[in-house]
Amino acid sequence: MKRLLIYLSICFLLFSCIKNDIPYPTIFGGFKSFTVEGQKENPEINTENLTVTIRLLDTVDLAHVKLISYQLTDSTTISPLPEEYLNLTSPKTYVLSTYQEYKWQVKAEQIIERKFRVKDQIGESQIDTSKRSVLAFVPENVSTRNITIEEIQLGPSNSRISPDPATVKDFTMPQTFTVEYRKIKETWKIMIMKSKVLVTTEAPDAFVTIAFFKGVGQAGADNGFEYKKSSETNWIKVDPSLISDEGGNFSAKITGLSPETAYVCRAYSGTNYGEEFQFTTEPATPLENPSFDDWCTDEKNNKLWYPWAQGGTSFWDTGNKGATTMGESNTTPSNEVAPGAFGKSALLATKFVGIGSLGKLAAGNMFAGEYVKTDGTNGILNFGRPYTSRPLRLKGMFKYKSTPISHTSTSNPDLSALKGQPDTCYMYLALIDSDKPVEIRTKPSVRNLFNPKDPSVIAYAEYYTAENITSWQEFNLELDYRTTNRKPTYMVLVFSASKYGDYFTGGNGSVLQLDELKLEFE
């Protein structure tokens, strides 16, 4: 009887807010496909930023891109109608309409790879596209009256260059070349200069047990590196098989170093040595509560579970604060642990929370960060905890029960089509160099989710599966470093029993279980 009274009270509150006019349904309008002539790969269609990004071959004229086809979501119109040939020298804006209007941008990316190399060159050429100039260096004993051009490309791959580079030898003065493609004609100036410095050591990038060495030397010479601990006297020569050399720019990845240890390295080219550089490896900073043994309940609400010890500090958090506004915690401790483990594990269960049809699907989740607050029935979270080391991978043990997707997003038709398909668990790890954590908002009108392609992302790894994993198995998140010379400030680490839980899409009853996480540094 008490439950019925609560249900009737909720219904009264909801219906008392309804006006006489019936609002239009929210139907998303977007692109499902967009195909043009000369694209390198399928365009990137971003339904969050409302952008279509097309990557074109360098032979395509950006001002005259032929449109082959496009497809819109159901019940969507477009204005203006795309023309047969598009001028994509700047982004084009289209308004896609359903009951609402969505302003989309279609933009193109085109990379022209420019190259220049001469025999006996030192390092890479300096190519300035704004000034249309090239500067290359050779040793002092090389005559600039008899230079051999080994590679030259200053325009698209189908461009024409004159005079014939094979006939131009004298670079005692700058030489001028004309590059023609389509209706464009460019004039480039190429300079060859002599250098007393035959080898340069660049500052190394040091992780925990590995380091990345870079050097500049003479093309075709015996190029490599030596290193040692700062406290020792004997140099260790890097195995030549580990050296990658391209036109005198050479590099190597060194493994087996000790954490928090001072080293020194130097590059060599033939019998010449570059400057010595000192560096110190990073500490092997572990995860906090990696086995999920520590849990406590809220002092005022024993239904609300926290993944940290009573009175302890929080590294992990969950969406339990949101789930318990209408039900029980859906991320809880479990006594079932991985083989050889002790204590607890984490059980992440996707559940519909509410009464009858009044409520939402809440995906079981665990993340490094903080649940900030609940906005209506939506969450505001901070993803990320301070972290400055650079691991290579994260391993752990997991089990997964996948159920058919029972609830889908009303604001995204692409997700609505997933109903009835097996749910998918999702886990990802990112290292970012942002000045603050990533604010996550699940409310559709202000939705902001983590973007693995954000410029702040240094390294990223993800794993997902829709398979039922009935016994404990190991997962491996192998980080892909997009750069080695940037240090992270935050670690973003997220686990979810439903991949599209941010959109309240998933299977009621899907369960992801986690235990024994470990960061590896070698």
Protein backbone atom coordinates (compact mmCIF):
# COMPACT_ATOMS: atom_id res chain seq x y z
CA MET A 1 0.00 0.00 0.00
CA LYS A 2 2.85 2.37 0.90
CA ARG A 3 4.56 1.69 -2.47
CA LEU A 4 1.26 2.45 -4.28
CA LEU A 5 0.91 5.79 -2.48
CA ILE A 6 4.46 6.76 -3.46
CA TYR A 7 3.72 5.78 -7.07
CA LEU A 8 0.50 7.87 -7.13
CA SER A 9 2.33 10.84 -5.60
CA ILE A 10 5.00 10.73 -8.31
CA CYS A 11 2.34 10.49 -11.00
CA PHE A 12 0.48 13.49 -9.51
CA LEU A 13 3.65 15.59 -9.49
CA LEU A 14 4.46 14.68 -13.07
CA PHE A 15 1.00 15.25 -14.53
CA SER A 16 0.43 18.47 -12.58
CA CYS A 17 3.35 19.95 -14.56
CA ILE A 18 1.90 19.07 -17.98
CA LYS A 19 0.56 22.02 -19.96
CA ASN A 20 -2.39 21.85 -22.30
CA ASP A 21 -0.12 21.84 -25.36
CA ILE A 22 1.61 18.54 -26.17
CA PRO A 23 5.34 19.03 -26.83
CA TYR A 24 6.91 17.69 -29.98
CA PRO A 25 8.94 14.52 -29.54
CA THR A 26 12.73 14.88 -29.55
CA ILE A 27 13.95 13.20 -32.75
CA PHE A 28 17.63 13.54 -33.55
CA GLY A 29 18.63 14.70 -37.03
CA GLY A 30 22.03 13.68 -38.33
CA PHE A 31 24.15 12.22 -41.09
CA LYS A 32 24.41 8.43 -41.33
CA SER A 33 26.91 8.51 -44.20
CA PHE A 34 28.71 11.02 -46.42
CA THR A 35 30.77 9.89 -49.42
CA VAL A 36 32.87 12.00 -51.76
CA GLU A 37 35.29 11.22 -54.56
CA GLY A 38 38.91 10.94 -53.45
CA GLN A 39 38.38 10.26 -49.75
CA LYS A 40 41.11 8.26 -48.00
CA GLU A 41 38.75 6.50 -45.58
CA ASN A 42 35.19 6.65 -44.31
CA PRO A 43 34.39 10.13 -42.94
CA GLU A 44 34.27 10.64 -39.18
CA ILE A 45 30.66 11.46 -38.21
CA ASN A 46 30.54 12.99 -34.72
CA THR A 47 27.00 13.10 -33.35
CA GLU A 48 28.16 15.02 -30.25
CA ASN A 49 29.87 17.93 -32.02
CA LEU A 50 27.62 17.63 -35.11
CA THR A 51 30.54 17.44 -37.53
CA VAL A 52 31.47 15.35 -40.57
CA THR A 53 35.23 15.22 -41.13
CA ILE A 54 36.44 13.99 -44.52
CA ARG A 55 40.08 13.05 -45.08
CA LEU A 56 41.00 13.53 -48.73
CA LEU A 57 43.84 12.32 -50.92
CA ASP A 58 46.44 14.99 -51.69
CA THR A 59 45.45 14.89 -55.37
CA VAL A 60 41.91 16.19 -54.71
CA ASP A 61 41.04 19.81 -55.47
CA LEU A 62 39.47 21.11 -52.25
CA ALA A 63 37.52 23.71 -54.17
CA HIS A 64 35.90 21.09 -56.40
CA VAL A 65 35.09 17.93 -54.42
CA LYS A 66 32.55 15.65 -56.09
CA LEU A 67 29.76 14.43 -53.78
CA ILE A 68 28.86 10.80 -54.44
CA SER A 69 26.14 10.25 -51.83
CA TYR A 70 24.92 11.05 -48.33
CA GLN A 71 22.35 9.51 -46.03
CA LEU A 72 20.34 11.15 -43.25
CA THR A 73 18.64 9.70 -40.20
CA ASP A 74 14.96 8.85 -40.56
CA SER A 75 12.46 11.71 -40.95
CA THR A 76 15.26 14.25 -41.46
CA THR A 77 15.50 17.02 -44.06
CA ILE A 78 18.55 19.08 -45.02
CA SER A 79 19.01 22.73 -45.97
CA PRO A 80 20.53 23.82 -48.24
CA LEU A 81 20.61 20.76 -50.47
CA PRO A 82 24.25 19.72 -51.07
CA GLU A 83 25.47 20.47 -54.57
CA GLU A 84 27.15 17.91 -56.84
CA TYR A 85 30.52 19.62 -56.34
CA LEU A 86 31.47 21.03 -52.94
CA ASN A 87 33.93 23.78 -52.08
CA LEU A 88 35.60 22.41 -48.95
CA THR A 89 38.39 24.96 -48.66
CA SER A 90 36.39 26.00 -45.57
CA PRO A 91 33.73 24.10 -43.57
CA LYS A 92 30.21 23.95 -45.03
CA THR A 93 27.19 24.32 -42.75
CA TYR A 94 23.93 22.41 -43.17
CA VAL A 95 20.79 22.53 -41.05
CA LEU A 96 19.23 19.11 -40.49
CA SER A 97 15.63 19.27 -39.35
CA THR A 98 13.18 16.90 -37.68
CA TYR A 99 10.89 18.50 -35.10
CA GLN A 100 14.08 20.27 -34.02
CA GLU A 101 16.96 21.81 -35.97
CA TYR A 102 20.56 20.58 -35.81
CA LYS A 103 23.36 22.69 -37.31
CA TRP A 104 26.03 20.42 -38.81
CA GLN A 105 29.43 21.23 -40.28
CA VAL A 106 31.10 19.27 -43.08
CA LYS A 107 34.85 19.88 -43.24
CA ALA A 108 37.81 18.42 -45.09
CA GLU A 109 41.34 17.51 -44.02
CA GLN A 110 44.10 17.11 -46.58
CA ILE A 111 47.74 16.39 -45.82
CA ILE A 112 50.39 17.01 -48.47
CA GLU A 113 53.57 15.17 -47.50
CA ARG A 114 56.54 17.26 -48.59
CA LYS A 115 60.01 15.71 -48.73
CA PHE A 116 63.52 16.76 -49.74
CA ARG A 117 66.77 14.86 -49.29
CA VAL A 118 70.26 15.02 -50.83
CA LYS A 119 73.19 12.62 -50.67
CA ASP A 120 75.29 12.87 -47.45
CA GLN A 121 72.68 15.12 -45.84
CA ILE A 122 72.76 15.77 -42.09
CA GLY A 123 69.32 15.23 -40.55
CA GLU A 124 65.99 16.22 -42.04
CA SER A 125 65.38 19.20 -44.29
CA GLN A 126 63.65 22.26 -42.91
CA ILE A 127 60.59 22.81 -45.11
CA ASP A 128 58.66 26.08 -44.66
CA THR A 129 55.35 25.88 -46.54
CA SER A 130 54.41 29.50 -45.82
CA LYS A 131 57.63 30.86 -47.37
CA ARG A 132 57.94 27.94 -49.82
CA SER A 133 61.54 27.39 -48.88
CA VAL A 134 63.73 24.38 -48.12
CA LEU A 135 66.97 24.31 -46.12
CA ALA A 136 69.22 21.24 -45.93
CA PHE A 137 72.65 20.71 -44.35
CA VAL A 138 75.68 18.70 -45.51
CA PRO A 139 79.12 18.15 -43.91
CA GLU A 140 81.89 20.68 -44.57
CA ASN A 141 83.80 18.21 -46.75
CA VAL A 142 80.91 17.92 -49.24
CA SER A 143 81.06 20.23 -52.26
CA THR A 144 77.89 22.28 -52.76
CA ARG A 145 78.80 22.50 -56.47
CA ASN A 146 78.05 18.80 -56.92
CA ILE A 147 74.91 17.98 -54.92
CA THR A 148 72.78 14.93 -55.76
CA ILE A 149 69.07 15.26 -55.00
CA GLU A 150 67.85 11.84 -53.87
CA GLU A 151 64.22 12.71 -53.09
CA ILE A 152 62.00 15.72 -53.71
CA GLN A 153 58.24 16.27 -53.37
CA LEU A 154 57.03 19.81 -52.72
CA GLY A 155 53.41 19.49 -53.83
CA PRO A 156 50.75 16.76 -54.15
CA SER A 157 51.91 13.37 -55.39
CA ASN A 158 50.67 14.18 -58.91
CA SER A 159 52.41 17.57 -59.16
CA ARG A 160 55.02 18.47 -61.77
CA ILE A 161 58.39 20.06 -60.93
CA SER A 162 60.82 21.95 -63.13
CA PRO A 163 63.65 22.08 -63.90
CA ASP A 164 64.36 18.34 -63.69
CA PRO A 165 65.90 17.85 -60.18
CA ALA A 166 68.34 15.29 -61.59
CA THR A 167 69.99 18.04 -63.67
CA VAL A 168 70.44 20.56 -60.84
CA LYS A 169 73.80 20.10 -59.07
CA ASP A 170 75.20 23.51 -58.14
CA PHE A 171 73.83 24.81 -54.81
CA THR A 172 76.54 27.35 -54.05
CA MET A 173 73.60 29.74 -54.40
CA PRO A 174 69.92 28.98 -53.70
CA GLN A 175 68.13 27.19 -56.55
CA THR A 176 64.56 27.89 -57.64
CA PHE A 177 62.03 25.22 -58.68
CA THR A 178 58.50 25.56 -60.05
CA VAL A 179 55.81 23.18 -58.75
CA GLU A 180 52.56 22.88 -60.74
CA TYR A 181 49.36 21.03 -59.93
CA ARG A 182 45.79 21.58 -61.06
CA LYS A 183 45.72 25.32 -61.86
CA ILE A 184 48.24 26.20 -59.18
CA LYS A 185 51.84 27.24 -59.84
CA GLU A 186 54.24 27.66 -56.90
CA THR A 187 57.85 28.84 -56.77
CA TRP A 188 60.10 27.16 -54.20
CA LYS A 189 63.61 28.21 -53.11
CA ILE A 190 66.04 25.47 -52.01
CA MET A 191 69.22 26.17 -50.07
CA ILE A 192 72.07 23.79 -49.16
CA MET A 193 74.39 24.86 -46.35
CA LYS A 194 77.46 23.33 -44.74
CA SER A 195 77.48 22.42 -41.05
CA LYS A 196 80.37 21.94 -38.61
CA VAL A 197 78.09 19.94 -36.31
CA LEU A 198 77.97 16.39 -37.66
CA VAL A 199 75.86 14.79 -34.92
CA THR A 200 73.29 16.10 -32.44
CA THR A 201 71.80 14.39 -29.40
CA GLU A 202 68.21 15.38 -28.74
CA ALA A 203 66.69 15.40 -25.24
CA PRO A 204 65.48 11.84 -24.44
CA ASP A 205 61.94 10.98 -23.34
CA ALA A 206 62.16 8.80 -20.24
CA PHE A 207 59.28 6.70 -18.91
CA VAL A 208 59.62 4.30 -15.95
CA THR A 209 61.72 1.47 -17.39
CA ILE A 210 62.05 2.64 -21.00
CA ALA A 211 63.44 5.69 -22.78
CA PHE A 212 63.24 7.07 -26.30
CA PHE A 213 66.46 8.38 -27.81
CA LYS A 214 66.68 10.68 -30.84
CA GLY A 215 69.66 11.94 -32.78
CA VAL A 216 70.65 13.72 -35.99
CA GLY A 217 73.66 12.63 -38.00
CA GLN A 218 74.92 12.07 -41.51
CA ALA A 219 72.72 9.97 -43.79
CA GLY A 220 74.33 6.63 -44.57
CA ALA A 221 76.82 6.80 -41.67
CA ASP A 222 77.00 4.44 -38.69
CA ASN A 223 74.45 6.20 -36.50
CA GLY A 224 73.51 5.11 -32.98
CA PHE A 225 73.48 5.75 -29.23
CA GLU A 226 75.34 4.99 -26.01
CA TYR A 227 74.04 5.33 -22.46
CA LYS A 228 74.95 4.55 -18.86
CA LYS A 229 73.85 5.21 -15.31
CA SER A 230 75.11 8.59 -14.12
CA SER A 231 76.95 6.86 -11.28
CA GLU A 232 78.87 4.53 -13.62
CA THR A 233 81.75 5.03 -16.06
CA ASN A 234 81.24 2.36 -18.74
CA TRP A 235 78.99 3.21 -21.70
CA ILE A 236 76.47 0.72 -23.07
CA LYS A 237 76.14 0.73 -26.85
CA VAL A 238 72.57 0.35 -28.12
CA ASP A 239 72.23 -2.71 -30.34
CA PRO A 240 72.23 -1.55 -34.00
CA SER A 241 69.10 -3.67 -34.64
CA LEU A 242 67.17 -1.28 -32.36
CA ILE A 243 68.17 1.82 -34.36
CA SER A 244 65.67 3.32 -36.80
CA ASP A 245 67.49 5.60 -39.27
CA GLU A 246 65.81 7.69 -41.94
CA GLY A 247 67.91 10.16 -43.82
CA GLY A 248 70.20 10.87 -40.86
CA ASN A 249 67.41 11.25 -38.32
CA PHE A 250 67.72 8.21 -36.09
CA SER A 251 66.00 6.95 -32.97
CA ALA A 252 65.78 4.00 -30.60
CA LYS A 253 63.58 2.65 -27.83
CA ILE A 254 65.62 1.50 -24.81
CA THR A 255 64.15 -1.01 -22.34
CA GLY A 256 65.24 -2.58 -19.05
CA LEU A 257 65.95 0.68 -17.20
CA SER A 258 65.43 1.08 -13.44
CA PRO A 259 62.69 3.36 -12.08
CA GLU A 260 63.69 6.67 -10.46
CA THR A 261 67.27 6.35 -11.66
CA ALA A 262 69.59 8.96 -13.22
CA TYR A 263 71.11 8.12 -16.62
CA VAL A 264 73.11 9.88 -19.33
CA CYS A 265 72.97 9.26 -23.09
CA ARG A 266 74.71 10.47 -26.25
CA ALA A 267 74.30 10.00 -29.99
CA TYR A 268 77.10 9.16 -32.39
CA SER A 269 77.49 9.33 -36.17
CA GLY A 270 80.56 7.52 -37.48
CA THR A 271 83.42 8.52 -35.14
CA ASN A 272 81.74 11.73 -33.98
CA TYR A 273 79.76 12.09 -30.73
CA GLY A 274 76.97 14.46 -29.85
CA GLU A 275 76.22 16.27 -26.63
CA GLU A 276 75.59 14.18 -23.49
CA PHE A 277 72.11 14.42 -22.00
CA GLN A 278 71.16 13.49 -18.44
CA PHE A 279 67.70 12.13 -17.65
CA THR A 280 65.89 10.44 -14.76
CA THR A 281 63.31 7.69 -15.13
CA GLU A 282 59.87 8.06 -13.56
CA PRO A 283 58.52 6.28 -10.46
CA ALA A 284 56.36 3.19 -10.96
CA THR A 285 53.26 4.72 -9.39
CA PRO A 286 50.66 1.99 -8.66
CA LEU A 287 46.87 2.24 -8.65
CA GLU A 288 45.03 2.85 -5.39
CA ASN A 289 42.73 0.07 -4.14
CA PRO A 290 43.49 -1.98 -7.30
CA SER A 291 41.76 -5.13 -5.99
CA PHE A 292 38.62 -3.31 -4.80
CA ASP A 293 39.01 -4.69 -1.29
CA ASP A 294 38.08 -1.45 0.45
CA TRP A 295 34.41 -0.44 0.67
CA CYS A 296 32.12 1.46 3.01
CA THR A 297 28.53 2.69 3.11
CA ASP A 298 27.30 6.24 3.52
CA GLU A 299 26.76 7.26 7.15
CA LYS A 300 23.27 8.58 6.34
CA ASN A 301 22.26 6.05 3.69
CA ASN A 302 23.35 2.44 4.08
CA LYS A 303 22.09 1.70 0.53
CA LEU A 304 24.87 3.90 -0.85
CA TRP A 305 28.16 2.02 -1.34
CA TYR A 306 31.52 3.76 -1.77
CA PRO A 307 34.65 2.00 -3.17
CA TRP A 308 37.02 3.14 -0.42
CA ALA A 309 37.64 2.34 3.24
CA GLN A 310 35.62 4.04 6.00
CA GLY A 311 37.39 7.33 6.73
CA GLY A 312 39.81 6.75 3.86
CA THR A 313 40.52 8.77 0.74
CA SER A 314 38.73 8.16 -2.54
CA PHE A 315 40.44 7.27 -5.79
CA TRP A 316 37.52 5.41 -7.36
CA ASP A 317 33.89 6.49 -7.52
CA THR A 318 30.66 5.20 -9.05
CA GLY A 319 27.25 6.40 -10.19
CA ASN A 320 25.69 5.03 -6.99
CA LYS A 321 24.71 8.49 -5.77
CA GLY A 322 22.47 8.84 -8.81
CA ALA A 323 21.15 5.27 -8.70
CA THR A 324 20.18 5.47 -5.02
CA THR A 325 17.90 8.46 -5.59
CA MET A 326 15.35 5.92 -6.92
CA GLY A 327 16.75 2.52 -5.94
CA GLU A 328 19.72 0.57 -4.62
CA SER A 329 23.43 0.90 -5.40
CA ASN A 330 24.24 -0.92 -8.61
CA THR A 331 28.03 -1.04 -8.07
CA THR A 332 28.75 -3.06 -4.95
CA PRO A 333 31.41 -5.25 -3.32
CA SER A 334 31.35 -8.99 -3.94
CA ASN A 335 32.89 -11.83 -1.94
CA GLU A 336 33.59 -13.75 -5.17
CA VAL A 337 37.17 -12.97 -6.15
CA ALA A 338 39.59 -13.98 -8.90
CA PRO A 339 41.64 -17.18 -8.42
CA GLY A 340 44.40 -16.63 -5.87
CA ALA A 341 42.94 -13.32 -4.72
CA PHE A 342 41.56 -12.37 -1.31
CA GLY A 343 39.16 -9.80 0.06
CA LYS A 344 36.55 -8.34 -2.29
CA SER A 345 35.91 -7.68 -5.96
CA ALA A 346 33.75 -5.03 -7.65
CA LEU A 347 30.36 -6.00 -9.10
CA LEU A 348 28.96 -3.52 -11.64
CA ALA A 349 25.31 -4.26 -12.46
CA THR A 350 23.17 -2.45 -15.02
CA LYS A 351 19.68 -1.97 -13.56
CA PHE A 352 16.50 -0.07 -14.25
CA VAL A 353 15.99 2.14 -11.20
CA GLY A 354 12.56 3.57 -10.44
CA ILE A 355 8.97 2.46 -10.05
CA GLY A 356 7.07 0.96 -12.96
CA SER A 357 7.92 2.95 -16.07
CA LEU A 358 9.04 5.97 -14.04
CA GLY A 359 12.82 5.88 -13.88
CA LYS A 360 15.94 5.30 -15.93
CA LEU A 361 18.42 2.62 -16.79
CA ALA A 362 21.56 2.97 -14.67
CA ALA A 363 24.67 1.27 -16.00
CA GLY A 364 26.92 -0.34 -13.40
CA ASN A 365 30.13 1.66 -13.49
CA MET A 366 33.43 2.35 -11.76
CA PHE A 367 35.80 5.21 -12.57
CA ALA A 368 38.86 7.02 -11.29
CA GLY A 369 37.38 10.35 -10.28
CA GLU A 370 34.46 11.84 -8.42
CA TYR A 371 30.66 11.85 -8.69
CA VAL A 372 29.98 15.58 -8.30
CA LYS A 373 26.18 15.80 -8.14
CA THR A 374 22.87 14.74 -9.63
CA ASP A 375 21.17 17.12 -12.08
CA GLY A 376 17.52 16.02 -12.09
CA THR A 377 17.90 12.37 -13.09
CA ASN A 378 21.28 12.94 -14.76
CA GLY A 379 24.79 12.88 -13.43
CA ILE A 380 27.67 15.37 -13.32
CA LEU A 381 31.00 13.63 -12.80
CA ASN A 382 34.70 14.41 -12.88
CA PHE A 383 36.74 11.78 -14.73
CA GLY A 384 40.41 11.64 -13.77
CA ARG A 385 42.79 11.49 -10.82
CA PRO A 386 46.21 13.22 -10.65
CA TYR A 387 48.86 10.96 -12.18
CA THR A 388 52.26 11.75 -13.72
CA SER A 389 53.90 8.38 -14.49
CA ARG A 390 53.63 6.67 -17.88
CA PRO A 391 52.74 2.96 -17.70
CA LEU A 392 52.62 0.74 -20.78
CA ARG A 393 49.47 -1.20 -19.99
CA LEU A 394 46.80 -2.09 -17.44
CA LYS A 395 45.91 -5.70 -16.74
CA GLY A 396 43.18 -7.16 -14.57
CA MET A 397 40.70 -9.97 -14.10
CA PHE A 398 37.05 -9.79 -15.15
CA LYS A 399 33.80 -11.68 -15.71
CA TYR A 400 30.84 -10.48 -17.75
CA LYS A 401 27.17 -11.39 -18.08
CA SER A 402 25.60 -9.85 -21.18
CA THR A 403 21.83 -9.45 -21.42
CA PRO A 404 19.79 -8.19 -24.42
CA ILE A 405 19.61 -4.39 -24.58
CA SER A 406 16.27 -3.54 -22.98
CA HIS A 407 16.42 0.27 -22.85
CA THR A 408 17.69 2.67 -25.52
CA SER A 409 18.26 6.40 -25.93
CA THR A 410 15.33 8.48 -27.13
CA SER A 411 17.69 11.22 -28.34
CA ASN A 412 19.88 9.04 -30.56
CA PRO A 413 18.18 6.89 -33.23
CA ASP A 414 21.39 4.99 -33.95
CA LEU A 415 21.26 3.58 -30.41
CA SER A 416 17.54 2.82 -30.67
CA ALA A 417 18.40 0.28 -33.35
CA LEU A 418 20.45 -1.68 -30.76
CA LYS A 419 17.39 -2.80 -28.81
CA GLY A 420 17.38 -6.58 -28.42
CA GLN A 421 21.06 -6.96 -29.29
CA PRO A 422 23.55 -8.25 -26.68
CA ASP A 423 24.78 -5.62 -24.26
CA THR A 424 28.50 -4.76 -24.30
CA CYS A 425 30.82 -4.08 -21.39
CA TYR A 426 33.35 -1.30 -21.85
CA MET A 427 36.62 -0.29 -20.25
CA TYR A 428 39.12 2.38 -21.22
CA LEU A 429 42.29 4.00 -19.90
CA ALA A 430 43.62 7.41 -20.93
CA LEU A 431 46.48 9.63 -19.83
CA ILE A 432 45.82 13.33 -20.36
CA ASP A 433 47.76 16.55 -19.77
CA SER A 434 44.76 18.73 -18.97
CA ASP A 435 44.85 21.26 -16.13
CA LYS A 436 41.75 19.71 -14.56
CA PRO A 437 39.66 16.51 -14.65
CA VAL A 438 37.21 15.90 -17.50
CA GLU A 439 33.71 17.07 -16.58
CA ILE A 440 31.10 14.54 -17.70
CA ARG A 441 27.43 15.50 -18.08
CA THR A 442 24.80 12.96 -19.14
CA LYS A 443 21.89 15.39 -19.50
CA PRO A 444 21.06 15.38 -23.26
CA SER A 445 20.76 19.17 -23.60
CA VAL A 446 24.24 19.76 -22.14
CA ARG A 447 25.76 16.32 -22.69
CA ASN A 448 29.55 16.23 -22.49
CA LEU A 449 31.30 12.85 -22.65
CA PHE A 450 34.93 11.79 -22.75
CA ASN A 451 36.46 12.15 -26.21
CA PRO A 452 39.48 9.86 -26.81
CA LYS A 453 40.49 12.08 -29.75
CA ASP A 454 40.72 15.20 -27.60
CA PRO A 455 44.09 17.02 -28.02
CA SER A 456 44.81 16.57 -24.29
CA VAL A 457 44.95 12.77 -24.67
CA ILE A 458 48.55 11.51 -24.60
CA ALA A 459 47.83 7.78 -24.56
CA TYR A 460 44.67 5.67 -24.87
CA ALA A 461 43.51 2.06 -24.69
CA GLU A 462 40.06 0.44 -24.68
CA TYR A 463 38.43 -2.97 -24.55
CA TYR A 464 34.84 -4.08 -25.00
CA THR A 465 33.00 -7.33 -25.54
CA ALA A 466 29.43 -8.61 -25.78
CA GLU A 467 30.45 -12.19 -24.97
CA ASN A 468 29.39 -13.93 -21.80
CA ILE A 469 32.57 -14.49 -19.77
CA THR A 470 31.47 -16.97 -17.12
CA SER A 471 34.88 -17.62 -15.53
CA TRP A 472 37.56 -15.15 -14.54
CA GLN A 473 39.70 -14.01 -17.50
CA GLU A 474 42.50 -11.50 -17.89
CA PHE A 475 42.03 -8.29 -19.85
CA ASN A 476 44.87 -6.16 -21.22
CA LEU A 477 44.64 -2.43 -21.97
CA GLU A 478 47.79 -1.74 -24.01
CA LEU A 479 48.33 2.02 -24.14
CA ASP A 480 48.88 3.64 -27.53
CA TYR A 481 51.11 6.68 -26.94
CA ARG A 482 50.43 9.41 -29.46
CA THR A 483 53.52 11.27 -28.30
CA THR A 484 56.40 10.46 -25.97
CA ASN A 485 57.50 13.97 -25.01
CA ARG A 486 54.43 15.01 -23.00
CA LYS A 487 53.92 14.05 -19.37
CA PRO A 488 50.40 13.35 -18.09
CA THR A 489 48.69 15.23 -15.30
CA TYR A 490 45.64 12.95 -14.93
CA MET A 491 44.68 9.32 -15.40
CA VAL A 492 41.18 8.62 -16.77
CA LEU A 493 40.10 5.03 -16.09
CA VAL A 494 36.51 3.91 -16.63
CA PHE A 495 34.64 0.58 -16.44
CA SER A 496 30.99 0.08 -17.41
CA ALA A 497 28.69 -2.93 -17.62
CA SER A 498 26.98 -1.20 -20.58
CA LYS A 499 29.03 0.56 -23.25
CA TYR A 500 26.32 3.12 -23.97
CA GLY A 501 25.33 3.69 -20.36
CA ASP A 502 26.05 7.41 -20.75
CA TYR A 503 23.01 7.45 -23.05
CA PHE A 504 20.96 5.32 -20.61
CA THR A 505 21.17 2.47 -23.11
CA GLY A 506 21.88 -1.11 -22.06
CA GLY A 507 20.52 -4.39 -20.84
CA ASN A 508 18.75 -4.63 -17.50
CA GLY A 509 20.74 -7.33 -15.70
CA SER A 510 24.12 -7.03 -17.44
CA VAL A 511 26.92 -7.52 -14.90
CA LEU A 512 30.65 -6.75 -15.10
CA GLN A 513 32.87 -8.04 -12.29
CA LEU A 514 36.43 -6.72 -11.73
CA ASP A 515 39.39 -7.75 -9.59
CA GLU A 516 43.19 -7.56 -9.30
CA LEU A 517 44.05 -4.56 -11.48
CA LYS A 518 47.73 -3.87 -12.11
CA LEU A 519 49.66 -1.24 -14.04
CA GLU A 520 52.71 -2.54 -15.90
CA PHE A 521 55.70 -0.37 -16.79
CA GLU A 522 57.84 -2.73 -18.92
